[in-house]
Amino acid sequence: MINAHLEEDLALKRLITVPKDQKPSFNWRGVIPESARMQERIRVVCPHGEELFDLSEVVDTVGRALTNVLLSREEKELFTEANQR
């Protein structure tokens, strides 16, 4: 018998290779107000140059990761109020 954590880990590894267009997509960026997205005091150095820190990019990345984890656990409720918080 395979350990439940190992099964979940293997499912997550398989799931992250699935193309984005074949998985549920949610508006994680919309979770934060527009006024809180751009942080003018923080600058980020990117390969294409320097730009303002955009909190919505972080929220989107975390939201997509959470979606992958929940899908690997075979959860059906993904974009819930609790998960958005």
PDB file of N, CA and C in Angstrom:
ATOM      1  N   MET A   1       0.843  -1.186   0.000  1.00  0.00           N
ATOM      2  CA  MET A   1       0.000   0.000   0.000  1.00  0.00           C
ATOM      3  C   MET A   1       0.886   1.246   0.000  1.00  0.00           C
ATOM      4  N   ILE A   2       0.547   2.203  -0.851  1.00  0.00           N
ATOM      5  CA  ILE A   2       1.314   3.445  -0.955  1.00  0.00           C
ATOM      6  C   ILE A   2       0.803   4.441   0.080  1.00  0.00           C
ATOM      7  N   ASN A   3       1.715   5.121   0.701  1.00  0.00           N
ATOM      8  CA  ASN A   3       1.394   6.164   1.671  1.00  0.00           C
ATOM      9  C   ASN A   3       0.515   7.234   1.008  1.00  0.00           C
ATOM     10  N   ALA A   4      -0.505   7.712   1.731  1.00  0.00           N
ATOM     11  CA  ALA A   4      -1.431   8.717   1.187  1.00  0.00           C
ATOM     12  C   ALA A   4      -0.705   9.994   0.769  1.00  0.00           C
ATOM     13  N   HIS A   5       0.303  10.390   1.529  1.00  0.00           N
ATOM     14  CA  HIS A   5       1.054  11.602   1.172  1.00  0.00           C
ATOM     15  C   HIS A   5       1.843  11.389  -0.121  1.00  0.00           C
ATOM     16  N   LEU A   6       2.374  10.192  -0.294  1.00  0.00           N
ATOM     17  CA  LEU A   6       3.107   9.886  -1.517  1.00  0.00           C
ATOM     18  C   LEU A   6       2.159   9.893  -2.718  1.00  0.00           C
ATOM     19  N   GLU A   7       0.970   9.322  -2.555  1.00  0.00           N
ATOM     20  CA  GLU A   7      -0.027   9.337  -3.630  1.00  0.00           C
ATOM     21  C   GLU A   7      -0.388  10.770  -4.016  1.00  0.00           C
ATOM     22  N   GLU A   8      -0.585  11.619  -3.007  1.00  0.00           N
ATOM     23  CA  GLU A   8      -0.918  13.019  -3.275  1.00  0.00           C
ATOM     24  C   GLU A   8       0.234  13.718  -3.987  1.00  0.00           C
ATOM     25  N   ASP A   9       1.448  13.438  -3.566  1.00  0.00           N
ATOM     26  CA  ASP A   9       2.619  14.041  -4.196  1.00  0.00           C
ATOM     27  C   ASP A   9       2.730  13.615  -5.659  1.00  0.00           C
ATOM     28  N   LEU A  10       2.526  12.346  -5.927  1.00  0.00           N
ATOM     29  CA  LEU A  10       2.587  11.852  -7.305  1.00  0.00           C
ATOM     30  C   LEU A  10       1.469  12.463  -8.151  1.00  0.00           C
ATOM     31  N   ALA A  11       0.275  12.586  -7.573  1.00  0.00           N
ATOM     32  CA  ALA A  11      -0.842  13.208  -8.301  1.00  0.00           C
ATOM     33  C   ALA A  11      -0.521  14.664  -8.616  1.00  0.00           C
ATOM     34  N   LEU A  12       0.072  15.371  -7.663  1.00  0.00           N
ATOM     35  CA  LEU A  12       0.431  16.773  -7.882  1.00  0.00           C
ATOM     36  C   LEU A  12       1.488  16.886  -8.977  1.00  0.00           C
ATOM     37  N   LYS A  13       2.471  16.017  -8.965  1.00  0.00           N
ATOM     38  CA  LYS A  13       3.511  16.047 -10.001  1.00  0.00           C
ATOM     39  C   LYS A  13       2.923  15.803 -11.381  1.00  0.00           C
ATOM     40  N   ARG A  14       1.950  14.898 -11.481  1.00  0.00           N
ATOM     41  CA  ARG A  14       1.297  14.662 -12.774  1.00  0.00           C
ATOM     42  C   ARG A  14       0.475  15.879 -13.181  1.00  0.00           C
ATOM     43  N   LEU A  15      -0.214  16.461 -12.224  1.00  0.00           N
ATOM     44  CA  LEU A  15      -1.135  17.565 -12.504  1.00  0.00           C
ATOM     45  C   LEU A  15      -0.417  18.824 -12.980  1.00  0.00           C
ATOM     46  N   ILE A  16       0.747  19.119 -12.440  1.00  0.00           N
ATOM     47  CA  ILE A  16       1.422  20.362 -12.831  1.00  0.00           C
ATOM     48  C   ILE A  16       1.937  20.321 -14.269  1.00  0.00           C
ATOM     49  N   THR A  17       1.985  19.135 -14.862  1.00  0.00           N
ATOM     50  CA  THR A  17       2.415  19.041 -16.261  1.00  0.00           C
ATOM     51  C   THR A  17       1.246  19.201 -17.236  1.00  0.00           C
ATOM     52  N   VAL A  18       0.021  19.207 -16.707  1.00  0.00           N
ATOM     53  CA  VAL A  18      -1.171  19.389 -17.558  1.00  0.00           C
ATOM     54  C   VAL A  18      -1.216  20.851 -18.007  1.00  0.00           C
ATOM     55  N   PRO A  19      -1.415  21.112 -19.287  1.00  0.00           N
ATOM     56  CA  PRO A  19      -1.494  22.502 -19.763  1.00  0.00           C
ATOM     57  C   PRO A  19      -2.595  23.297 -19.054  1.00  0.00           C
ATOM     58  N   LYS A  20      -2.346  24.595 -18.886  1.00  0.00           N
ATOM     59  CA  LYS A  20      -3.295  25.483 -18.189  1.00  0.00           C
ATOM     60  C   LYS A  20      -4.699  25.416 -18.781  1.00  0.00           C
ATOM     61  N   ASP A  21      -4.781  25.331 -20.096  1.00  0.00           N
ATOM     62  CA  ASP A  21      -6.102  25.347 -20.736  1.00  0.00           C
ATOM     63  C   ASP A  21      -6.904  24.067 -20.517  1.00  0.00           C
ATOM     64  N   GLN A  22      -6.296  23.079 -19.892  1.00  0.00           N
ATOM     65  CA  GLN A  22      -6.988  21.827 -19.603  1.00  0.00           C
ATOM     66  C   GLN A  22      -7.334  21.688 -18.120  1.00  0.00           C
ATOM     67  N   LYS A  23      -7.146  22.769 -17.371  1.00  0.00           N
ATOM     68  CA  LYS A  23      -7.472  22.783 -15.940  1.00  0.00           C
ATOM     69  C   LYS A  23      -8.421  23.944 -15.668  1.00  0.00           C
ATOM     70  N   PRO A  24      -9.145  23.866 -14.556  1.00  0.00           N
ATOM     71  CA  PRO A  24     -10.019  24.996 -14.202  1.00  0.00           C
ATOM     72  C   PRO A  24      -9.197  26.274 -14.036  1.00  0.00           C
ATOM     73  N   SER A  25      -9.793  27.386 -14.445  1.00  0.00           N
ATOM     74  CA  SER A  25      -9.136  28.681 -14.329  1.00  0.00           C
ATOM     75  C   SER A  25     -10.037  29.617 -13.533  1.00  0.00           C
ATOM     76  N   PHE A  26      -9.454  30.328 -12.583  1.00  0.00           N
ATOM     77  CA  PHE A  26     -10.221  31.223 -11.734  1.00  0.00           C
ATOM     78  C   PHE A  26      -9.588  32.612 -11.727  1.00  0.00           C
ATOM     79  N   ASN A  27     -10.379  33.606 -11.417  1.00  0.00           N
ATOM     80  CA  ASN A  27      -9.903  34.988 -11.370  1.00  0.00           C
ATOM     81  C   ASN A  27      -9.301  35.279  -9.989  1.00  0.00           C
ATOM     82  N   TRP A  28      -8.163  34.683  -9.711  1.00  0.00           N
ATOM     83  CA  TRP A  28      -7.505  34.924  -8.422  1.00  0.00           C
ATOM     84  C   TRP A  28      -7.096  36.384  -8.292  1.00  0.00           C
ATOM     85  N   ARG A  29      -6.717  37.016  -9.398  1.00  0.00           N
ATOM     86  CA  ARG A  29      -6.305  38.427  -9.360  1.00  0.00           C
ATOM     87  C   ARG A  29      -7.428  39.324  -8.865  1.00  0.00           C
ATOM     88  N   GLY A  30      -8.654  38.937  -9.158  1.00  0.00           N
ATOM     89  CA  GLY A  30      -9.810  39.726  -8.764  1.00  0.00           C
ATOM     90  C   GLY A  30     -10.107  39.682  -7.276  1.00  0.00           C
ATOM     91  N   VAL A  31      -9.375  38.850  -6.552  1.00  0.00           N
ATOM     92  CA  VAL A  31      -9.597  38.704  -5.110  1.00  0.00           C
ATOM     93  C   VAL A  31      -9.153  39.960  -4.351  1.00  0.00           C
ATOM     94  N   ILE A  32      -8.150  40.651  -4.901  1.00  0.00           N
ATOM     95  CA  ILE A  32      -7.668  41.860  -4.219  1.00  0.00           C
ATOM     96  C   ILE A  32      -8.174  43.096  -4.967  1.00  0.00           C
ATOM     97  N   PRO A  33      -8.399  44.168  -4.231  1.00  0.00           N
ATOM     98  CA  PRO A  33      -8.880  45.390  -4.895  1.00  0.00           C
ATOM     99  C   PRO A  33      -7.846  45.959  -5.862  1.00  0.00           C
ATOM    100  N   GLU A  34      -8.331  46.579  -6.902  1.00  0.00           N
ATOM    101  CA  GLU A  34      -7.464  47.190  -7.921  1.00  0.00           C
ATOM    102  C   GLU A  34      -6.455  48.158  -7.285  1.00  0.00           C
ATOM    103  N   SER A  35      -6.913  48.898  -6.288  1.00  0.00           N
ATOM    104  CA  SER A  35      -6.054  49.905  -5.653  1.00  0.00           C
ATOM    105  C   SER A  35      -4.877  49.303  -4.885  1.00  0.00           C
ATOM    106  N   ALA A  36      -4.953  48.028  -4.548  1.00  0.00           N
ATOM    107  CA  ALA A  36      -3.882  47.388  -3.773  1.00  0.00           C
ATOM    108  C   ALA A  36      -2.877  46.647  -4.645  1.00  0.00           C
ATOM    109  N   ARG A  37      -3.119  46.600  -5.929  1.00  0.00           N
ATOM    110  CA  ARG A  37      -2.289  45.761  -6.803  1.00  0.00           C
ATOM    111  C   ARG A  37      -0.884  46.300  -7.039  1.00  0.00           C
ATOM    112  N   MET A  38      -0.774  47.532  -7.463  1.00  0.00           N
ATOM    113  CA  MET A  38       0.540  48.087  -7.784  1.00  0.00           C
ATOM    114  C   MET A  38       1.135  48.745  -6.546  1.00  0.00           C
ATOM    115  N   GLN A  39       2.319  48.312  -6.192  1.00  0.00           N
ATOM    116  CA  GLN A  39       3.022  48.848  -5.025  1.00  0.00           C
ATOM    117  C   GLN A  39       4.136  49.758  -5.523  1.00  0.00           C
ATOM    118  N   GLU A  40       3.869  51.043  -5.541  1.00  0.00           N
ATOM    119  CA  GLU A  40       4.821  51.988  -6.131  1.00  0.00           C
ATOM    120  C   GLU A  40       6.137  52.085  -5.371  1.00  0.00           C
ATOM    121  N   ARG A  41       6.128  51.741  -4.092  1.00  0.00           N
ATOM    122  CA  ARG A  41       7.364  51.816  -3.304  1.00  0.00           C
ATOM    123  C   ARG A  41       8.297  50.631  -3.572  1.00  0.00           C
ATOM    124  N   ILE A  42       7.780  49.592  -4.215  1.00  0.00           N
ATOM    125  CA  ILE A  42       8.574  48.384  -4.443  1.00  0.00           C
ATOM    126  C   ILE A  42       8.825  48.205  -5.931  1.00  0.00           C
ATOM    127  N   ARG A  43      10.072  48.010  -6.281  1.00  0.00           N
ATOM    128  CA  ARG A  43      10.450  47.772  -7.672  1.00  0.00           C
ATOM    129  C   ARG A  43      11.036  46.363  -7.772  1.00  0.00           C
ATOM    130  N   VAL A  44      10.751  45.713  -8.903  1.00  0.00           N
ATOM    131  CA  VAL A  44      11.213  44.351  -9.143  1.00  0.00           C
ATOM    132  C   VAL A  44      12.095  44.371 -10.381  1.00  0.00           C
ATOM    133  N   VAL A  45      13.233  43.698 -10.290  1.00  0.00           N
ATOM    134  CA  VAL A  45      14.127  43.592 -11.437  1.00  0.00           C
ATOM    135  C   VAL A  45      13.759  42.311 -12.187  1.00  0.00           C
ATOM    136  N   CYS A  46      13.376  42.483 -13.448  1.00  0.00           N
ATOM    137  CA  CYS A  46      12.958  41.374 -14.310  1.00  0.00           C
ATOM    138  C   CYS A  46      13.951  41.230 -15.459  1.00  0.00           C
ATOM    139  N   PRO A  47      13.918  40.107 -16.161  1.00  0.00           N
ATOM    140  CA  PRO A  47      14.827  39.950 -17.306  1.00  0.00           C
ATOM    141  C   PRO A  47      14.667  41.057 -18.357  1.00  0.00           C
ATOM    142  N   HIS A  48      13.460  41.618 -18.474  1.00  0.00           N
ATOM    143  CA  HIS A  48      13.220  42.664 -19.472  1.00  0.00           C
ATOM    144  C   HIS A  48      13.369  44.070 -18.894  1.00  0.00           C
ATOM    145  N   GLY A  49      13.758  44.180 -17.642  1.00  0.00           N
ATOM    146  CA  GLY A  49      13.963  45.482 -17.026  1.00  0.00           C
ATOM    147  C   GLY A  49      13.284  45.600 -15.674  1.00  0.00           C
ATOM    148  N   GLU A  50      13.308  46.788 -15.124  1.00  0.00           N
ATOM    149  CA  GLU A  50      12.720  47.048 -13.809  1.00  0.00           C
ATOM    150  C   GLU A  50      11.256  47.450 -13.958  1.00  0.00           C
ATOM    151  N   GLU A  51      10.417  46.983 -13.033  1.00  0.00           N
ATOM    152  CA  GLU A  51       9.010  47.361 -13.061  1.00  0.00           C
ATOM    153  C   GLU A  51       8.459  47.425 -11.642  1.00  0.00           C
ATOM    154  N   LEU A  52       7.287  47.997 -11.508  1.00  0.00           N
ATOM    155  CA  LEU A  52       6.634  48.084 -10.208  1.00  0.00           C
ATOM    156  C   LEU A  52       6.167  46.705  -9.766  1.00  0.00           C
ATOM    157  N   PHE A  53       6.191  46.469  -8.475  1.00  0.00           N
ATOM    158  CA  PHE A  53       5.692  45.217  -7.910  1.00  0.00           C
ATOM    159  C   PHE A  53       4.176  45.163  -8.091  1.00  0.00           C
ATOM    160  N   ASP A  54       3.694  44.068  -8.663  1.00  0.00           N
ATOM    161  CA  ASP A  54       2.264  43.875  -8.910  1.00  0.00           C
ATOM    162  C   ASP A  54       1.779  42.726  -8.031  1.00  0.00           C
ATOM    163  N   LEU A  55       1.094  43.063  -6.956  1.00  0.00           N
ATOM    164  CA  LEU A  55       0.602  42.062  -6.008  1.00  0.00           C
ATOM    165  C   LEU A  55      -0.338  41.063  -6.676  1.00  0.00           C
ATOM    166  N   SER A  56      -1.046  41.475  -7.703  1.00  0.00           N
ATOM    167  CA  SER A  56      -1.981  40.564  -8.366  1.00  0.00           C
ATOM    168  C   SER A  56      -1.251  39.390  -9.031  1.00  0.00           C
ATOM    169  N   GLU A  57       0.000  39.591  -9.443  1.00  0.00           N
ATOM    170  CA  GLU A  57       0.779  38.488 -10.007  1.00  0.00           C
ATOM    171  C   GLU A  57       1.079  37.444  -8.936  1.00  0.00           C
ATOM    172  N   VAL A  58       1.382  37.896  -7.740  1.00  0.00           N
ATOM    173  CA  VAL A  58       1.645  36.983  -6.623  1.00  0.00           C
ATOM    174  C   VAL A  58       0.372  36.226  -6.261  1.00  0.00           C
ATOM    175  N   VAL A  59      -0.738  36.951  -6.168  1.00  0.00           N
ATOM    176  CA  VAL A  59      -2.022  36.334  -5.834  1.00  0.00           C
ATOM    177  C   VAL A  59      -2.400  35.293  -6.885  1.00  0.00           C
ATOM    178  N   ASP A  60      -2.179  35.593  -8.142  1.00  0.00           N
ATOM    179  CA  ASP A  60      -2.497  34.665  -9.217  1.00  0.00           C
ATOM    180  C   ASP A  60      -1.623  33.412  -9.132  1.00  0.00           C
ATOM    181  N   THR A  61      -0.341  33.589  -8.870  1.00  0.00           N
ATOM    182  CA  THR A  61       0.576  32.453  -8.765  1.00  0.00           C
ATOM    183  C   THR A  61       0.193  31.545  -7.592  1.00  0.00           C
ATOM    184  N   VAL A  62      -0.085  32.139  -6.445  1.00  0.00           N
ATOM    185  CA  VAL A  62      -0.480  31.359  -5.269  1.00  0.00           C
ATOM    186  C   VAL A  62      -1.825  30.670  -5.528  1.00  0.00           C
ATOM    187  N   GLY A  63      -2.757  31.362  -6.147  1.00  0.00           N
ATOM    188  CA  GLY A  63      -4.061  30.791  -6.453  1.00  0.00           C
ATOM    189  C   GLY A  63      -3.970  29.601  -7.397  1.00  0.00           C
ATOM    190  N   ARG A  64      -3.134  29.717  -8.424  1.00  0.00           N
ATOM    191  CA  ARG A  64      -2.950  28.592  -9.357  1.00  0.00           C
ATOM    192  C   ARG A  64      -2.290  27.413  -8.662  1.00  0.00           C
ATOM    193  N   ALA A  65      -1.331  27.682  -7.770  1.00  0.00           N
ATOM    194  CA  ALA A  65      -0.686  26.607  -7.009  1.00  0.00           C
ATOM    195  C   ALA A  65      -1.698  25.925  -6.080  1.00  0.00           C
ATOM    196  N   LEU A  66      -2.519  26.720  -5.413  1.00  0.00           N
ATOM    197  CA  LEU A  66      -3.549  26.166  -4.541  1.00  0.00           C
ATOM    198  C   LEU A  66      -4.532  25.311  -5.344  1.00  0.00           C
ATOM    199  N   THR A  67      -4.901  25.776  -6.518  1.00  0.00           N
ATOM    200  CA  THR A  67      -5.789  25.004  -7.386  1.00  0.00           C
ATOM    201  C   THR A  67      -5.169  23.651  -7.706  1.00  0.00           C
ATOM    202  N   ASN A  68      -3.891  23.626  -8.054  1.00  0.00           N
ATOM    203  CA  ASN A  68      -3.207  22.363  -8.360  1.00  0.00           C
ATOM    204  C   ASN A  68      -3.199  21.426  -7.155  1.00  0.00           C
ATOM    205  N   VAL A  69      -2.905  21.959  -5.983  1.00  0.00           N
ATOM    206  CA  VAL A  69      -2.882  21.127  -4.775  1.00  0.00           C
ATOM    207  C   VAL A  69      -4.260  20.540  -4.501  1.00  0.00           C
ATOM    208  N   LEU A  70      -5.283  21.378  -4.574  1.00  0.00           N
ATOM    209  CA  LEU A  70      -6.642  20.904  -4.291  1.00  0.00           C
ATOM    210  C   LEU A  70      -7.107  19.889  -5.333  1.00  0.00           C
ATOM    211  N   LEU A  71      -6.758  20.101  -6.594  1.00  0.00           N
ATOM    212  CA  LEU A  71      -7.102  19.121  -7.620  1.00  0.00           C
ATOM    213  C   LEU A  71      -6.389  17.796  -7.376  1.00  0.00           C
ATOM    214  N   SER A  72      -5.144  17.848  -6.915  1.00  0.00           N
ATOM    215  CA  SER A  72      -4.402  16.613  -6.637  1.00  0.00           C
ATOM    216  C   SER A  72      -5.035  15.838  -5.488  1.00  0.00           C
ATOM    217  N   ARG A  73      -5.757  16.545  -4.628  1.00  0.00           N
ATOM    218  CA  ARG A  73      -6.468  15.913  -3.504  1.00  0.00           C
ATOM    219  C   ARG A  73      -7.894  15.537  -3.893  1.00  0.00           C
ATOM    220  N   GLU A  74      -8.210  15.755  -5.183  1.00  0.00           N
ATOM    221  CA  GLU A  74      -9.532  15.463  -5.735  1.00  0.00           C
ATOM    222  C   GLU A  74     -10.646  16.276  -5.080  1.00  0.00           C
ATOM    223  N   GLU A  75     -10.293  17.488  -4.644  1.00  0.00           N
ATOM    224  CA  GLU A  75     -11.288  18.412  -4.093  1.00  0.00           C
ATOM    225  C   GLU A  75     -12.134  18.961  -5.237  1.00  0.00           C
ATOM    226  N   LYS A  76     -13.389  19.214  -4.966  1.00  0.00           N
ATOM    227  CA  LYS A  76     -14.291  19.757  -5.979  1.00  0.00           C
ATOM    228  C   LYS A  76     -14.505  21.263  -5.803  1.00  0.00           C
ATOM    229  N   GLU A  77     -14.461  21.732  -4.569  1.00  0.00           N
ATOM    230  CA  GLU A  77     -14.662  23.146  -4.266  1.00  0.00           C
ATOM    231  C   GLU A  77     -13.301  23.834  -4.240  1.00  0.00           C
ATOM    232  N   LEU A  78     -13.016  24.629  -5.258  1.00  0.00           N
ATOM    233  CA  LEU A  78     -11.683  25.226  -5.384  1.00  0.00           C
ATOM    234  C   LEU A  78     -11.668  26.731  -5.127  1.00  0.00           C
ATOM    235  N   PHE A  79     -12.540  27.451  -5.793  1.00  0.00           N
ATOM    236  CA  PHE A  79     -12.536  28.915  -5.717  1.00  0.00           C
ATOM    237  C   PHE A  79     -13.558  29.361  -4.668  1.00  0.00           C
ATOM    238  N   THR A  80     -13.382  28.858  -3.457  1.00  0.00           N
ATOM    239  CA  THR A  80     -14.313  29.168  -2.377  1.00  0.00           C
ATOM    240  C   THR A  80     -13.911  30.459  -1.682  1.00  0.00           C
ATOM    241  N   GLU A  81     -14.816  30.983  -0.894  1.00  0.00           N
ATOM    242  CA  GLU A  81     -14.534  32.212  -0.134  1.00  0.00           C
ATOM    243  C   GLU A  81     -13.336  31.991   0.798  1.00  0.00           C
ATOM    244  N   ALA A  82     -13.288  30.841   1.442  1.00  0.00           N
ATOM    245  CA  ALA A  82     -12.174  30.532   2.351  1.00  0.00           C
ATOM    246  C   ALA A  82     -10.849  30.490   1.597  1.00  0.00           C
ATOM    247  N   ASN A  83     -10.836  29.869   0.424  1.00  0.00           N
ATOM    248  CA  ASN A  83      -9.600  29.780  -0.368  1.00  0.00           C
ATOM    249  C   ASN A  83      -9.181  31.144  -0.914  1.00  0.00           C
ATOM    250  N   GLN A  84     -10.147  31.999  -1.185  1.00  0.00           N
ATOM    251  CA  GLN A  84      -9.822  33.330  -1.665  1.00  0.00           C
ATOM    252  C   GLN A  84      -9.171  34.173  -0.564  1.00  0.00           C
ATOM    253  N   ARG A  85      -9.568  33.937   0.664  1.00  0.00           N
ATOM    254  CA  ARG A  85      -8.952  34.669   1.791  1.00  0.00           C
ATOM    255  C   ARG A  85      -7.535  34.194   1.975  1.00  0.00           C
TER     256      ARG A  85
END
